[in-house]
C-alpha atoms as a PDB file:
ATOM      1  CA  MET A   1       3.459 -24.534  -8.069  1.00  0.00           C
ATOM      2  CA  ASN A   2       1.937 -21.107  -8.069  1.00  0.00           C
ATOM      3  CA  ASP A   3      -2.187 -21.968  -7.734  1.00  0.00           C
ATOM      4  CA  ALA A   4      -2.770 -18.066  -6.932  1.00  0.00           C
ATOM      5  CA  VAL A   5      -5.688 -16.582  -8.281  1.00  0.00           C
ATOM      6  CA  TYR A   6      -5.134 -13.014  -8.914  1.00  0.00           C
ATOM      7  CA  TYR A   7      -7.501 -10.249  -7.414  1.00  0.00           C
ATOM      8  CA  PRO A   8      -7.583  -6.464  -7.651  1.00  0.00           C
ATOM      9  CA  PHE A   9      -7.054  -4.566  -4.460  1.00  0.00           C
ATOM     10  CA  GLU A  10      -6.687  -1.000  -3.400  1.00  0.00           C
ATOM     11  CA  LEU A  11      -3.957  -0.715  -0.697  1.00  0.00           C
ATOM     12  CA  HIS A  12      -3.654   3.022  -0.205  1.00  0.00           C
ATOM     13  CA  CYS A  13      -6.821   4.479   1.227  1.00  0.00           C
ATOM     14  CA  HIS A  14      -7.859   7.335   3.407  1.00  0.00           C
ATOM     15  CA  THR A  15     -10.920   8.452   5.300  1.00  0.00           C
ATOM     16  CA  LEU A  16     -12.420  11.019   7.659  1.00  0.00           C
ATOM     17  CA  HIS A  17     -10.343   9.608  10.160  1.00  0.00           C
ATOM     18  CA  SER A  18      -7.058  11.356   8.668  1.00  0.00           C
ATOM     19  CA  ASP A  19      -7.243  13.738   5.417  1.00  0.00           C
ATOM     20  CA  GLY A  20      -9.772  11.543   3.288  1.00  0.00           C
ATOM     21  CA  ALA A  21     -13.750  12.711   2.406  1.00  0.00           C
ATOM     22  CA  PHE A  22     -15.077   9.157   2.966  1.00  0.00           C
ATOM     23  CA  THR A  23     -16.261   7.371   6.314  1.00  0.00           C
ATOM     24  CA  PRO A  24     -14.873   3.911   6.516  1.00  0.00           C
ATOM     25  CA  ARG A  25     -18.154   2.468   5.345  1.00  0.00           C
ATOM     26  CA  GLU A  26     -18.424   4.727   2.440  1.00  0.00           C
ATOM     27  CA  LEU A  27     -14.906   4.036   1.223  1.00  0.00           C
ATOM     28  CA  VAL A  28     -15.650   0.180   1.461  1.00  0.00           C
ATOM     29  CA  LYS A  29     -18.719   0.436  -0.576  1.00  0.00           C
ATOM     30  CA  ALA A  30     -17.129   2.565  -3.062  1.00  0.00           C
ATOM     31  CA  ALA A  31     -14.464  -0.297  -3.455  1.00  0.00           C
ATOM     32  CA  ALA A  32     -17.390  -2.712  -3.853  1.00  0.00           C
ATOM     33  CA  GLU A  33     -18.766  -0.543  -6.647  1.00  0.00           C
ATOM     34  CA  ARG A  34     -15.454  -0.289  -8.293  1.00  0.00           C
ATOM     35  CA  GLY A  35     -15.238  -4.063  -8.519  1.00  0.00           C
ATOM     36  CA  LEU A  36     -12.408  -4.353  -6.111  1.00  0.00           C
ATOM     37  CA  ARG A  37     -12.337  -7.390  -3.964  1.00  0.00           C
ATOM     38  CA  GLY A  38     -10.159  -5.854  -0.950  1.00  0.00           C
ATOM     39  CA  ILE A  39      -8.680  -2.562   0.224  1.00  0.00           C
ATOM     40  CA  ALA A  40      -6.235  -1.514   2.955  1.00  0.00           C
ATOM     41  CA  LEU A  41      -7.111   1.500   5.392  1.00  0.00           C
ATOM     42  CA  THR A  42      -4.048   3.467   5.847  1.00  0.00           C
ATOM     43  CA  ASP A  43      -5.156   6.564   7.486  1.00  0.00           C
ATOM     44  CA  HIS A  44      -2.300   8.837   8.429  1.00  0.00           C
ATOM     45  CA  ASN A  45      -0.825   8.042  11.796  1.00  0.00           C
ATOM     46  CA  THR A  46      -3.916   6.637  13.186  1.00  0.00           C
ATOM     47  CA  ALA A  47      -6.039   3.101  12.954  1.00  0.00           C
ATOM     48  CA  THR A  48      -9.505   4.689  14.471  1.00  0.00           C
ATOM     49  CA  GLY A  49     -11.379   4.019  11.157  1.00  0.00           C
ATOM     50  CA  ASN A  50     -10.217   0.239  11.360  1.00  0.00           C
ATOM     51  CA  ALA A  51     -13.042  -1.322  12.918  1.00  0.00           C
ATOM     52  CA  GLU A  52     -15.774   0.487  11.165  1.00  0.00           C
ATOM     53  CA  ALA A  53     -13.960  -0.366   7.901  1.00  0.00           C
ATOM     54  CA  LEU A  54     -13.884  -4.193   9.145  1.00  0.00           C
ATOM     55  CA  ARG A  55     -17.423  -4.441   9.747  1.00  0.00           C
ATOM     56  CA  ALA A  56     -18.198  -2.590   6.479  1.00  0.00           C
ATOM     57  CA  GLY A  57     -16.052  -5.421   4.689  1.00  0.00           C
ATOM     58  CA  GLU A  58     -18.235  -7.846   5.867  1.00  0.00           C
ATOM     59  CA  GLU A  59     -21.653  -5.840   4.856  1.00  0.00           C
ATOM     60  CA  PHE A  60     -20.125  -5.390   1.288  1.00  0.00           C
ATOM     61  CA  GLY A  61     -17.959  -8.798   0.676  1.00  0.00           C
ATOM     62  CA  ILE A  62     -14.604  -6.616   0.563  1.00  0.00           C
ATOM     63  CA  VAL A  63     -11.555  -7.807   2.103  1.00  0.00           C
ATOM     64  CA  VAL A  64     -10.118  -5.120   4.414  1.00  0.00           C
ATOM     65  CA  ILE A  65      -6.706  -5.030   5.713  1.00  0.00           C
ATOM     66  CA  PRO A  66      -6.234  -2.893   8.870  1.00  0.00           C
ATOM     67  CA  GLY A  67      -3.316  -0.399   8.438  1.00  0.00           C
ATOM     68  CA  THR A  68      -1.932   2.899   8.910  1.00  0.00           C
ATOM     69  CA  GLU A  69       0.172   5.521   7.037  1.00  0.00           C
ATOM     70  CA  TRP A  70       3.355   6.307   8.941  1.00  0.00           C
ATOM     71  CA  THR A  71       3.557  10.355   7.867  1.00  0.00           C
ATOM     72  CA  THR A  72       6.760  11.525   8.696  1.00  0.00           C
ATOM     73  CA  PHE A  73       9.093  14.629   7.413  1.00  0.00           C
ATOM     74  CA  TYR A  74      11.094  12.149   6.009  1.00  0.00           C
ATOM     75  CA  GLY A  75       8.842  10.126   3.846  1.00  0.00           C
ATOM     76  CA  HIS A  76       5.622   7.900   4.289  1.00  0.00           C
ATOM     77  CA  ILE A  77       5.586   4.180   4.804  1.00  0.00           C
ATOM     78  CA  THR A  78       2.095   2.156   4.743  1.00  0.00           C
ATOM     79  CA  VAL A  79       1.889  -0.422   7.141  1.00  0.00           C
ATOM     80  CA  LEU A  80      -0.555  -3.122   6.732  1.00  0.00           C
ATOM     81  CA  GLY A  81      -1.591  -5.860   9.150  1.00  0.00           C
ATOM     82  CA  GLY A  82      -2.612  -4.186  12.240  1.00  0.00           C
ATOM     83  CA  ARG A  83      -0.066  -6.071  14.404  1.00  0.00           C
ATOM     84  CA  SER A  84       2.869  -3.641  15.072  1.00  0.00           C
ATOM     85  CA  ASP A  85       3.070  -1.363  18.015  1.00  0.00           C
ATOM     86  CA  ILE A  86       5.112   1.204  16.172  1.00  0.00           C
ATOM     87  CA  ASP A  87       4.686   4.894  17.280  1.00  0.00           C
ATOM     88  CA  TRP A  88       5.178   6.819  13.971  1.00  0.00           C
ATOM     89  CA  ARG A  89       6.410   9.865  16.058  1.00  0.00           C
ATOM     90  CA  SER A  90       9.651   7.874  16.951  1.00  0.00           C
ATOM     91  CA  VAL A  91      10.446   7.275  13.444  1.00  0.00           C
ATOM     92  CA  THR A  92      13.568   9.248  11.921  1.00  0.00           C
ATOM     93  CA  PRO A  93      16.048   8.460   9.150  1.00  0.00           C
ATOM     94  CA  ALA A  94      18.550   7.003  11.836  1.00  0.00           C
ATOM     95  CA  ASN A  95      16.219   4.316  12.763  1.00  0.00           C
ATOM     96  CA  ALA A  96      13.376   4.052  10.153  1.00  0.00           C
ATOM     97  CA  ALA A  97      14.904   0.699   8.788  1.00  0.00           C
ATOM     98  CA  ASP A  98      14.696  -0.917  12.533  1.00  0.00           C
ATOM     99  CA  LYS A  99      11.425   0.284  12.912  1.00  0.00           C
ATOM    100  CA  THR A 100      10.215  -0.988  10.104  1.00  0.00           C
ATOM    101  CA  ALA A 101      11.758  -4.322  10.442  1.00  0.00           C
ATOM    102  CA  ARG A 102      10.338  -4.457  13.662  1.00  0.00           C
ATOM    103  CA  ALA A 103       7.008  -3.461  12.301  1.00  0.00           C
ATOM    104  CA  VAL A 104       7.612  -6.637   9.671  1.00  0.00           C
ATOM    105  CA  ALA A 105       8.741  -9.059  12.160  1.00  0.00           C
ATOM    106  CA  LEU A 106       5.468  -8.366  14.237  1.00  0.00           C
ATOM    107  CA  GLY A 107       3.426  -9.604  11.342  1.00  0.00           C
ATOM    108  CA  ASP A 108       2.931  -6.482   9.131  1.00  0.00           C
ATOM    109  CA  VAL A 109       3.776  -5.581   5.653  1.00  0.00           C
ATOM    110  CA  ALA A 110       5.668  -2.462   5.135  1.00  0.00           C
ATOM    111  CA  VAL A 111       5.592  -0.463   2.056  1.00  0.00           C
ATOM    112  CA  LEU A 112       7.449   2.757   0.750  1.00  0.00           C
ATOM    113  CA  ALA A 113       4.730   5.131  -0.577  1.00  0.00           C
ATOM    114  CA  HIS A 114       5.025   7.381  -3.276  1.00  0.00           C
ATOM    115  CA  PRO A 115       8.686   7.895  -2.967  1.00  0.00           C
ATOM    116  CA  TYR A 116       9.209  10.581  -5.478  1.00  0.00           C
ATOM    117  CA  ARG A 117       5.722  12.526  -4.440  1.00  0.00           C
ATOM    118  CA  VAL A 118       6.401  16.303  -4.226  1.00  0.00           C
ATOM    119  CA  GLY A 119       5.529  17.308  -0.901  1.00  0.00           C
ATOM    120  CA  TYR A 120       2.935  20.067   0.512  1.00  0.00           C
ATOM    121  CA  PRO A 121       2.219  21.611   3.604  1.00  0.00           C
ATOM    122  CA  VAL A 122      -1.060  19.418   4.642  1.00  0.00           C
ATOM    123  CA  CYS A 123       0.703  16.026   4.222  1.00  0.00           C
ATOM    124  CA  THR A 124       4.444  16.948   4.615  1.00  0.00           C
ATOM    125  CA  GLY A 125       7.226  14.288   3.605  1.00  0.00           C
ATOM    126  CA  GLY A 126       5.480  13.058   0.589  1.00  0.00           C
ATOM    127  CA  ARG A 127       8.792  12.393  -1.038  1.00  0.00           C
ATOM    128  CA  SER A 128      11.057   9.651   0.606  1.00  0.00           C
ATOM    129  CA  GLU A 129      14.478  10.851   2.345  1.00  0.00           C
ATOM    130  CA  PHE A 130      14.865   7.602   4.180  1.00  0.00           C
ATOM    131  CA  PRO A 131      18.275   6.046   3.949  1.00  0.00           C
ATOM    132  CA  GLU A 132      19.317   3.221   1.829  1.00  0.00           C
ATOM    133  CA  GLU A 133      19.093   0.617   4.337  1.00  0.00           C
ATOM    134  CA  ILE A 134      15.084   1.017   4.524  1.00  0.00           C
ATOM    135  CA  PHE A 135      15.112  -0.861   1.400  1.00  0.00           C
ATOM    136  CA  ASP A 136      16.316  -4.216   3.410  1.00  0.00           C
ATOM    137  CA  ALA A 137      13.618  -3.638   5.758  1.00  0.00           C
ATOM    138  CA  LEU A 138      10.537  -2.938   3.501  1.00  0.00           C
ATOM    139  CA  THR A 139       8.070  -5.501   2.204  1.00  0.00           C
ATOM    140  CA  GLY A 140       7.177  -3.447  -0.854  1.00  0.00           C
ATOM    141  CA  TYR A 141       7.358  -0.461  -2.911  1.00  0.00           C
ATOM    142  CA  GLU A 142       4.587   1.750  -4.470  1.00  0.00           C
ATOM    143  CA  VAL A 143       5.912   1.629  -7.952  1.00  0.00           C
ATOM    144  CA  PHE A 144       3.049   3.676  -9.326  1.00  0.00           C
ATOM    145  CA  SER A 145       1.310   6.408  -7.187  1.00  0.00           C
ATOM    146  CA  GLY A 146      -2.213   7.975  -7.768  1.00  0.00           C
ATOM    147  CA  LEU A 147      -2.621   8.891 -11.719  1.00  0.00           C
ATOM    148  CA  LEU A 148      -0.973   6.537 -13.698  1.00  0.00           C
ATOM    149  CA  SER A 149       0.472   9.340 -15.925  1.00  0.00           C
ATOM    150  CA  ASP A 150       1.925  11.051 -13.016  1.00  0.00           C
ATOM    151  CA  PRO A 151       5.508  11.690 -14.003  1.00  0.00           C
ATOM    152  CA  THR A 152       6.921  11.048 -10.720  1.00  0.00           C
ATOM    153  CA  ASN A 153       5.895   7.384 -11.410  1.00  0.00           C
ATOM    154  CA  LEU A 154       8.807   7.257 -14.199  1.00  0.00           C
ATOM    155  CA  ARG A 155      11.690   7.843 -11.604  1.00  0.00           C
ATOM    156  CA  ALA A 156       9.782   5.589  -9.055  1.00  0.00           C
ATOM    157  CA  ARG A 157       9.904   2.648 -11.826  1.00  0.00           C
ATOM    158  CA  GLU A 158      13.460   3.458 -12.509  1.00  0.00           C
ATOM    159  CA  GLU A 159      14.454   3.009  -8.708  1.00  0.00           C
ATOM    160  CA  TYR A 160      12.299   0.016  -8.245  1.00  0.00           C
ATOM    161  CA  LEU A 161      13.646  -1.717 -11.305  1.00  0.00           C
ATOM    162  CA  GLY A 162      17.177  -1.002 -10.059  1.00  0.00           C
ATOM    163  CA  LEU A 163      16.930  -2.121  -6.483  1.00  0.00           C
ATOM    164  CA  THR A 164      15.220  -5.580  -7.755  1.00  0.00           C
ATOM    165  CA  ALA A 165      17.925  -5.707 -10.294  1.00  0.00           C
ATOM    166  CA  ALA A 166      20.584  -5.690  -7.191  1.00  0.00           C
ATOM    167  CA  GLY A 167      18.685  -8.302  -5.299  1.00  0.00           C
ATOM    168  CA  LYS A 168      16.269  -6.168  -3.188  1.00  0.00           C
ATOM    169  CA  LYS A 169      12.930  -8.496  -2.400  1.00  0.00           C
ATOM    170  CA  LEU A 170      10.296  -5.673  -2.914  1.00  0.00           C
ATOM    171  CA  SER A 171       7.178  -6.363  -4.212  1.00  0.00           C
ATOM    172  CA  ALA A 172       5.735  -4.116  -6.818  1.00  0.00           C
ATOM    173  CA  LEU A 173       2.730  -2.073  -5.628  1.00  0.00           C
ATOM    174  CA  TYR A 174       0.098   0.669  -6.715  1.00  0.00           C
ATOM    175  CA  GLY A 175      -1.379   2.964  -4.320  1.00  0.00           C
ATOM    176  CA  ARG A 176      -4.159   5.518  -5.486  1.00  0.00           C
ATOM    177  CA  ASP A 177      -3.799   7.422  -2.092  1.00  0.00           C
ATOM    178  CA  TRP A 178      -7.744   7.267  -2.556  1.00  0.00           C
ATOM    179  CA  HIS A 179      -9.096  10.207  -0.531  1.00  0.00           C
ATOM    180  CA  GLY A 180     -12.824  10.660  -1.758  1.00  0.00           C
ATOM    181  CA  PRO A 181     -15.310  10.103  -4.382  1.00  0.00           C
ATOM    182  CA  GLY A 182     -14.650  11.213  -7.628  1.00  0.00           C
ATOM    183  CA  SER A 183     -13.634   9.756 -11.226  1.00  0.00           C
ATOM    184  CA  ASN A 184     -11.950   6.191 -11.513  1.00  0.00           C
ATOM    185  CA  ASN A 185     -10.200   7.201 -15.081  1.00  0.00           C
ATOM    186  CA  GLY A 186      -6.301   7.146 -14.845  1.00  0.00           C
ATOM    187  CA  TYR A 187      -6.256   4.930 -11.792  1.00  0.00           C
ATOM    188  CA  GLY A 188      -4.688   1.470 -11.557  1.00  0.00           C
ATOM    189  CA  VAL A 189      -4.903  -1.323  -9.240  1.00  0.00           C
ATOM    190  CA  THR A 190      -2.769  -3.960  -7.544  1.00  0.00           C
ATOM    191  CA  MET A 191      -3.198  -7.390  -8.344  1.00  0.00           C
ATOM    192  CA  LEU A 192      -2.636  -9.675  -5.594  1.00  0.00           C
ATOM    193  CA  GLY A 193      -1.943 -13.440  -6.429  1.00  0.00           C
ATOM    194  CA  ILE A 194      -3.856 -15.219  -3.486  1.00  0.00           C
ATOM    195  CA  SER A 195      -3.606 -18.788  -3.131  1.00  0.00           C
ATOM    196  CA  GLY A 196      -6.391 -20.639  -0.717  1.00  0.00           C
ATOM    197  CA  THR A 197      -9.151 -18.386   0.984  1.00  0.00           C
ATOM    198  CA  LEU A 198      -9.641 -14.569  -0.215  1.00  0.00           C
ATOM    199  CA  ASN A 199      -9.253 -13.009   3.072  1.00  0.00           C
ATOM    200  CA  ALA A 200      -6.857 -10.303   4.768  1.00  0.00           C
ATOM    201  CA  GLU A 201      -3.743 -12.931   5.970  1.00  0.00           C
ATOM    202  CA  ASN A 202      -3.399 -14.586   2.364  1.00  0.00           C
ATOM    203  CA  ALA A 203      -3.298 -11.244   0.770  1.00  0.00           C
ATOM    204  CA  LEU A 204      -0.622 -10.010   3.128  1.00  0.00           C
ATOM    205  CA  GLU A 205       1.358 -13.258   2.175  1.00  0.00           C
ATOM    206  CA  ALA A 206       0.803 -12.572  -1.376  1.00  0.00           C
ATOM    207  CA  ILE A 207       2.784  -9.457  -0.935  1.00  0.00           C
ATOM    208  CA  ARG A 208       5.476 -11.136   0.929  1.00  0.00           C
ATOM    209  CA  ARG A 209       5.885 -13.606  -1.565  1.00  0.00           C
ATOM    210  CA  GLY A 210       6.064 -10.924  -4.379  1.00  0.00           C
ATOM    211  CA  ARG A 211       2.723 -12.371  -6.230  1.00  0.00           C
ATOM    212  CA  THR A 212       1.740  -8.982  -7.178  1.00  0.00           C
ATOM    213  CA  ALA A 213       1.155  -6.874 -10.119  1.00  0.00           C
ATOM    214  CA  VAL A 214       0.220  -3.538 -11.138  1.00  0.00           C
ATOM    215  CA  ALA A 215      -2.353  -3.064 -13.641  1.00  0.00           C
ATOM    216  CA  ASP A 216      -4.587  -0.123 -15.029  1.00  0.00           C
ATOM    217  CA  GLY A 217      -8.270   0.291 -14.839  1.00  0.00           C
ATOM    218  CA  CYS A 218      -8.836  -1.771 -17.930  1.00  0.00           C
ATOM    219  CA  GLY A 219      -6.674  -4.805 -16.299  1.00  0.00           C
ATOM    220  CA  ASN A 220      -3.935  -4.372 -18.472  1.00  0.00           C
ATOM    221  CA  THR A 221      -0.599  -5.521 -16.601  1.00  0.00           C
ATOM    222  CA  ILE A 222       1.804  -2.749 -16.427  1.00  0.00           C
ATOM    223  CA  ILE A 223       4.656  -4.115 -14.264  1.00  0.00           C
ATOM    224  CA  ILE A 224       5.098  -7.574 -12.184  1.00  0.00           C
ATOM    225  CA  THR A 225       7.365  -8.268  -9.401  1.00  0.00           C
ATOM    226  CA  PRO A 226      10.268  -9.919 -10.998  1.00  0.00           C
ATOM    227  CA  TRP A 227      10.692 -12.724  -8.302  1.00  0.00           C
ATOM    228  CA  GLN A 228       8.421 -14.860  -6.303  1.00  0.00           C
ATOM    229  CA  ALA A 229       9.185 -16.837  -3.165  1.00  0.00           C
END
């Protein structure tokens, strides 16, 4: 029986440790003020802000999942959990599926980020060009990213529904790609169905088990993972 309670999380965040405007503490404070129950810190190719974010999580009562965003020329993958030892510089289209599978085997959750976003010089590789094999290694898929109205989300949703219909066990996630202060209008959240204590490990387990949904800022469900383990 699924006895999970669903909580709002933001699973794609940046700070001054990469290209964000928040300090890690400011990010966690902003999450608490927004009514979130947890975040994942996913700075580009670095985990140096995780320790401060974890301390701030205790201060503000927010679950903090340590992570990083592999930012490559071929696409971005948010890796949540802080357990794997993969050097993002070694990730190529030829080995991306194997590297992702290793991160997952070591206890992390791996999510394809904004798969159809148009790239730009500061953050190259925003659109995924990873081979099809990546979908057998990933844990989740950002069906919606940034503003919910972004037209690239229509393509991502179409691909996600096709992948899950074909049997791929990918959890539906949202990623604001949160970089700093500003309006909260037009953004969503990931709802994680957590069994037991509200903590980082149980949040990761919710993603692994497909107990996820994407909701708008008013709490209305937009898409739910079509399977659960």
